[in-house]
């Protein structure tokens, strides 16, 4: 039903954005402007996520048939870029892109754990399940 439709629509949007991005890097020469090349690569990757998230949150609420998974879209865009766009960017950008993504990953993980650490003090102690905490600490 709707899961299959969501899967197919998400994959189709991911393929479309992946092909457009790959064609962009094939025909537009950004090798002389490396920071712009990296920025466009990141914008195509994460822009597809936010575009589908916006579509899902604004249109998907009113039309449940067209629910698109942003995570599935970015997964397919990553596969498409890895197979097609990766060979059309400069060697310098190929070397620096994984480092930038790793840095963004570390910053997002740090932010997530900092927010979770701050929120844990706002939960009343009577709602904590001490048995689960003990099992977690024991393992």
C-alpha atoms as a PDB file:
ATOM      1  CA  UNK A   1       0.000   0.000   0.000  1.00  0.00           C
ATOM      2  CA  UNK A   2       1.285   3.335   1.094  1.00  0.00           C
ATOM      3  CA  UNK A   3       4.734   2.062   2.132  1.00  0.00           C
ATOM      4  CA  UNK A   4       5.417   0.781  -1.374  1.00  0.00           C
ATOM      5  CA  UNK A   5       4.184   4.038  -2.911  1.00  0.00           C
ATOM      6  CA  UNK A   6       6.349   6.036  -0.496  1.00  0.00           C
ATOM      7  CA  UNK A   7       9.357   3.857  -1.339  1.00  0.00           C
ATOM      8  CA  UNK A   8       8.860   4.218  -5.083  1.00  0.00           C
ATOM      9  CA  UNK A   9       8.236   7.983  -4.938  1.00  0.00           C
ATOM     10  CA  UNK A  10      11.223   8.544  -2.641  1.00  0.00           C
ATOM     11  CA  UNK A  11      13.489   6.482  -4.876  1.00  0.00           C
ATOM     12  CA  UNK A  12      12.234   8.315  -7.978  1.00  0.00           C
ATOM     13  CA  UNK A  13      12.881  11.726  -6.402  1.00  0.00           C
ATOM     14  CA  UNK A  14      16.331  10.554  -5.278  1.00  0.00           C
ATOM     15  CA  UNK A  15      17.193   9.318  -8.759  1.00  0.00           C
ATOM     16  CA  UNK A  16      15.941  12.570 -10.302  1.00  0.00           C
ATOM     17  CA  UNK A  17      18.010  14.749  -7.962  1.00  0.00           C
ATOM     18  CA  UNK A  18      21.008  12.428  -8.339  1.00  0.00           C
ATOM     19  CA  UNK A  19      20.863  12.594 -12.126  1.00  0.00           C
ATOM     20  CA  UNK A  20      20.421  16.387 -12.105  1.00  0.00           C
ATOM     21  CA  UNK A  21      23.364  16.781  -9.736  1.00  0.00           C
ATOM     22  CA  UNK A  22      25.542  14.429 -11.749  1.00  0.00           C
ATOM     23  CA  UNK A  23      24.739  16.265 -14.972  1.00  0.00           C
ATOM     24  CA  UNK A  24      25.463  19.565 -13.237  1.00  0.00           C
ATOM     25  CA  UNK A  25      28.941  18.418 -12.228  1.00  0.00           C
ATOM     26  CA  UNK A  26      29.555  16.902 -15.653  1.00  0.00           C
ATOM     27  CA  UNK A  27      28.702  19.985 -17.721  1.00  0.00           C
ATOM     28  CA  UNK A  28      29.449  22.885 -15.347  1.00  0.00           C
ATOM     29  CA  UNK A  29      33.156  23.279 -14.708  1.00  0.00           C
ATOM     30  CA  UNK A  30      33.727  24.235 -11.087  1.00  0.00           C
ATOM     31  CA  UNK A  31      37.197  22.708 -10.797  1.00  0.00           C
ATOM     32  CA  UNK A  32      38.840  26.139 -10.628  1.00  0.00           C
ATOM     33  CA  UNK A  33      36.628  27.232  -7.738  1.00  0.00           C
ATOM     34  CA  UNK A  34      37.009  24.379  -5.237  1.00  0.00           C
ATOM     35  CA  UNK A  35      35.085  25.893  -2.308  1.00  0.00           C
ATOM     36  CA  UNK A  36      32.100  26.519  -4.576  1.00  0.00           C
ATOM     37  CA  UNK A  37      32.338  22.974  -5.907  1.00  0.00           C
ATOM     38  CA  UNK A  38      32.236  21.556  -2.374  1.00  0.00           C
ATOM     39  CA  UNK A  39      29.387  23.864  -1.410  1.00  0.00           C
ATOM     40  CA  UNK A  40      27.297  22.842  -4.418  1.00  0.00           C
ATOM     41  CA  UNK A  41      27.982  19.169  -3.671  1.00  0.00           C
ATOM     42  CA  UNK A  42      26.813  19.592  -0.074  1.00  0.00           C
ATOM     43  CA  UNK A  43      23.797  21.636  -1.159  1.00  0.00           C
ATOM     44  CA  UNK A  44      22.705  18.980  -3.628  1.00  0.00           C
ATOM     45  CA  UNK A  45      23.096  16.291  -0.987  1.00  0.00           C
ATOM     46  CA  UNK A  46      21.441  17.951   1.970  1.00  0.00           C
ATOM     47  CA  UNK A  47      19.209  20.206  -0.095  1.00  0.00           C
ATOM     48  CA  UNK A  48      17.424  17.117  -1.387  1.00  0.00           C
ATOM     49  CA  UNK A  49      16.728  16.075   2.211  1.00  0.00           C
ATOM     50  CA  UNK A  50      15.314  19.446   3.186  1.00  0.00           C
ATOM     51  CA  UNK A  51      13.341  19.803  -0.039  1.00  0.00           C
ATOM     52  CA  UNK A  52      11.637  16.456   0.557  1.00  0.00           C
ATOM     53  CA  UNK A  53      11.155  17.215   4.230  1.00  0.00           C
ATOM     54  CA  UNK A  54       9.416  20.469   3.275  1.00  0.00           C
ATOM     55  CA  UNK A  55       7.296  18.653   0.702  1.00  0.00           C
ATOM     56  CA  UNK A  56       6.439  15.939   3.235  1.00  0.00           C
ATOM     57  CA  UNK A  57       5.540  18.390   5.993  1.00  0.00           C
ATOM     58  CA  UNK A  58       3.517  20.793   3.828  1.00  0.00           C
ATOM     59  CA  UNK A  59       1.965  18.679   1.084  1.00  0.00           C
ATOM     60  CA  UNK A  60       2.101  15.197   2.634  1.00  0.00           C
ATOM     61  CA  UNK A  61      -0.188  16.211   5.476  1.00  0.00           C
ATOM     62  CA  UNK A  62      -2.958  17.097   3.055  1.00  0.00           C
ATOM     63  CA  UNK A  63      -2.290  14.348   0.485  1.00  0.00           C
ATOM     64  CA  UNK A  64      -1.197  11.190   2.325  1.00  0.00           C
ATOM     65  CA  UNK A  65      -0.696   9.316  -0.967  1.00  0.00           C
ATOM     66  CA  UNK A  66       2.353  11.471  -1.747  1.00  0.00           C
ATOM     67  CA  UNK A  67       4.377  10.912   1.406  1.00  0.00           C
ATOM     68  CA  UNK A  68       8.056  11.019   0.529  1.00  0.00           C
ATOM     69  CA  UNK A  69      10.745   9.821   2.943  1.00  0.00           C
ATOM     70  CA  UNK A  70      13.606  12.344   3.097  1.00  0.00           C
ATOM     71  CA  UNK A  71      15.955   9.694   4.510  1.00  0.00           C
ATOM     72  CA  UNK A  72      15.249   7.399   1.565  1.00  0.00           C
ATOM     73  CA  UNK A  73      15.798  10.282  -0.857  1.00  0.00           C
ATOM     74  CA  UNK A  74      19.191  11.205   0.598  1.00  0.00           C
ATOM     75  CA  UNK A  75      20.161   7.515   0.574  1.00  0.00           C
ATOM     76  CA  UNK A  76      19.394   7.232  -3.158  1.00  0.00           C
ATOM     77  CA  UNK A  77      21.063  10.590  -3.909  1.00  0.00           C
ATOM     78  CA  UNK A  78      24.169   9.337  -2.122  1.00  0.00           C
ATOM     79  CA  UNK A  79      24.222   6.189  -4.238  1.00  0.00           C
ATOM     80  CA  UNK A  80      23.722   8.205  -7.427  1.00  0.00           C
ATOM     81  CA  UNK A  81      26.435  10.702  -6.513  1.00  0.00           C
ATOM     82  CA  UNK A  82      28.808   7.915  -5.535  1.00  0.00           C
ATOM     83  CA  UNK A  83      28.354   6.226  -8.896  1.00  0.00           C
ATOM     84  CA  UNK A  84      28.133   9.207 -11.236  1.00  0.00           C
ATOM     85  CA  UNK A  85      28.968  12.638  -9.779  1.00  0.00           C
ATOM     86  CA  UNK A  86      32.028  11.544  -7.789  1.00  0.00           C
ATOM     87  CA  UNK A  87      34.154  11.145 -10.928  1.00  0.00           C
ATOM     88  CA  UNK A  88      33.251  14.606 -12.250  1.00  0.00           C
ATOM     89  CA  UNK A  89      34.569  16.620  -9.308  1.00  0.00           C
ATOM     90  CA  UNK A  90      38.166  17.681  -8.778  1.00  0.00           C
ATOM     91  CA  UNK A  91      40.621  15.449  -6.905  1.00  0.00           C
ATOM     92  CA  UNK A  92      40.980  18.162  -4.258  1.00  0.00           C
ATOM     93  CA  UNK A  93      37.251  18.124  -3.592  1.00  0.00           C
ATOM     94  CA  UNK A  94      37.240  14.322  -3.534  1.00  0.00           C
ATOM     95  CA  UNK A  95      39.882  14.435  -0.814  1.00  0.00           C
ATOM     96  CA  UNK A  96      38.221  17.164   1.278  1.00  0.00           C
ATOM     97  CA  UNK A  97      34.554  16.150   1.026  1.00  0.00           C
ATOM     98  CA  UNK A  98      34.794  13.143   3.411  1.00  0.00           C
ATOM     99  CA  UNK A  99      36.595  15.315   5.965  1.00  0.00           C
ATOM    100  CA  UNK A 100      33.899  17.997   5.824  1.00  0.00           C
ATOM    101  CA  UNK A 101      31.111  15.433   6.149  1.00  0.00           C
ATOM    102  CA  UNK A 102      32.906  13.778   9.073  1.00  0.00           C
ATOM    103  CA  UNK A 103      33.228  17.158  10.799  1.00  0.00           C
ATOM    104  CA  UNK A 104      29.529  17.909  10.266  1.00  0.00           C
ATOM    105  CA  UNK A 105      28.719  14.437  11.607  1.00  0.00           C
ATOM    106  CA  UNK A 106      30.764  15.041  14.763  1.00  0.00           C
ATOM    107  CA  UNK A 107      29.139  18.445  15.321  1.00  0.00           C
ATOM    108  CA  UNK A 108      25.628  16.997  14.912  1.00  0.00           C
ATOM    109  CA  UNK A 109      26.425  14.129  17.287  1.00  0.00           C
ATOM    110  CA  UNK A 110      27.844  16.533  19.868  1.00  0.00           C
ATOM    111  CA  UNK A 111      24.756  18.728  19.629  1.00  0.00           C
ATOM    112  CA  UNK A 112      22.427  15.734  19.986  1.00  0.00           C
ATOM    113  CA  UNK A 113      24.142  14.432  23.116  1.00  0.00           C
ATOM    114  CA  UNK A 114      24.380  17.913  24.636  1.00  0.00           C
ATOM    115  CA  UNK A 115      20.630  18.452  24.174  1.00  0.00           C
ATOM    116  CA  UNK A 116      19.828  14.988  25.535  1.00  0.00           C
ATOM    117  CA  UNK A 117      22.083  15.630  28.518  1.00  0.00           C
ATOM    118  CA  UNK A 118      20.318  18.917  29.229  1.00  0.00           C
ATOM    119  CA  UNK A 119      16.847  17.419  28.834  1.00  0.00           C
ATOM    120  CA  UNK A 120      17.484  14.491  31.160  1.00  0.00           C
ATOM    121  CA  UNK A 121      17.469  16.869  34.155  1.00  0.00           C
ATOM    122  CA  UNK A 122      13.998  18.155  33.281  1.00  0.00           C
ATOM    123  CA  UNK A 123      12.373  14.702  33.637  1.00  0.00           C
ATOM    124  CA  UNK A 124      10.881  14.091  37.092  1.00  0.00           C
ATOM    125  CA  UNK A 125      12.574  11.242  38.966  1.00  0.00           C
ATOM    126  CA  UNK A 126       9.292   9.439  39.625  1.00  0.00           C
ATOM    127  CA  UNK A 127       8.894   8.680  35.902  1.00  0.00           C
ATOM    128  CA  UNK A 128      12.253   6.944  35.603  1.00  0.00           C
ATOM    129  CA  UNK A 129      12.290   3.155  35.397  1.00  0.00           C
ATOM    130  CA  UNK A 130      15.193   2.238  37.665  1.00  0.00           C
ATOM    131  CA  UNK A 131      15.109  -1.382  36.474  1.00  0.00           C
ATOM    132  CA  UNK A 132      15.835  -0.332  32.898  1.00  0.00           C
ATOM    133  CA  UNK A 133      18.616   1.952  34.054  1.00  0.00           C
ATOM    134  CA  UNK A 134      20.144  -0.908  36.064  1.00  0.00           C
ATOM    135  CA  UNK A 135      19.960  -3.303  33.102  1.00  0.00           C
ATOM    136  CA  UNK A 136      21.537  -0.677  30.854  1.00  0.00           C
ATOM    137  CA  UNK A 137      24.384  -0.062  33.266  1.00  0.00           C
ATOM    138  CA  UNK A 138      24.897  -3.811  33.790  1.00  0.00           C
ATOM    139  CA  UNK A 139      25.280  -4.464  30.085  1.00  0.00           C
END
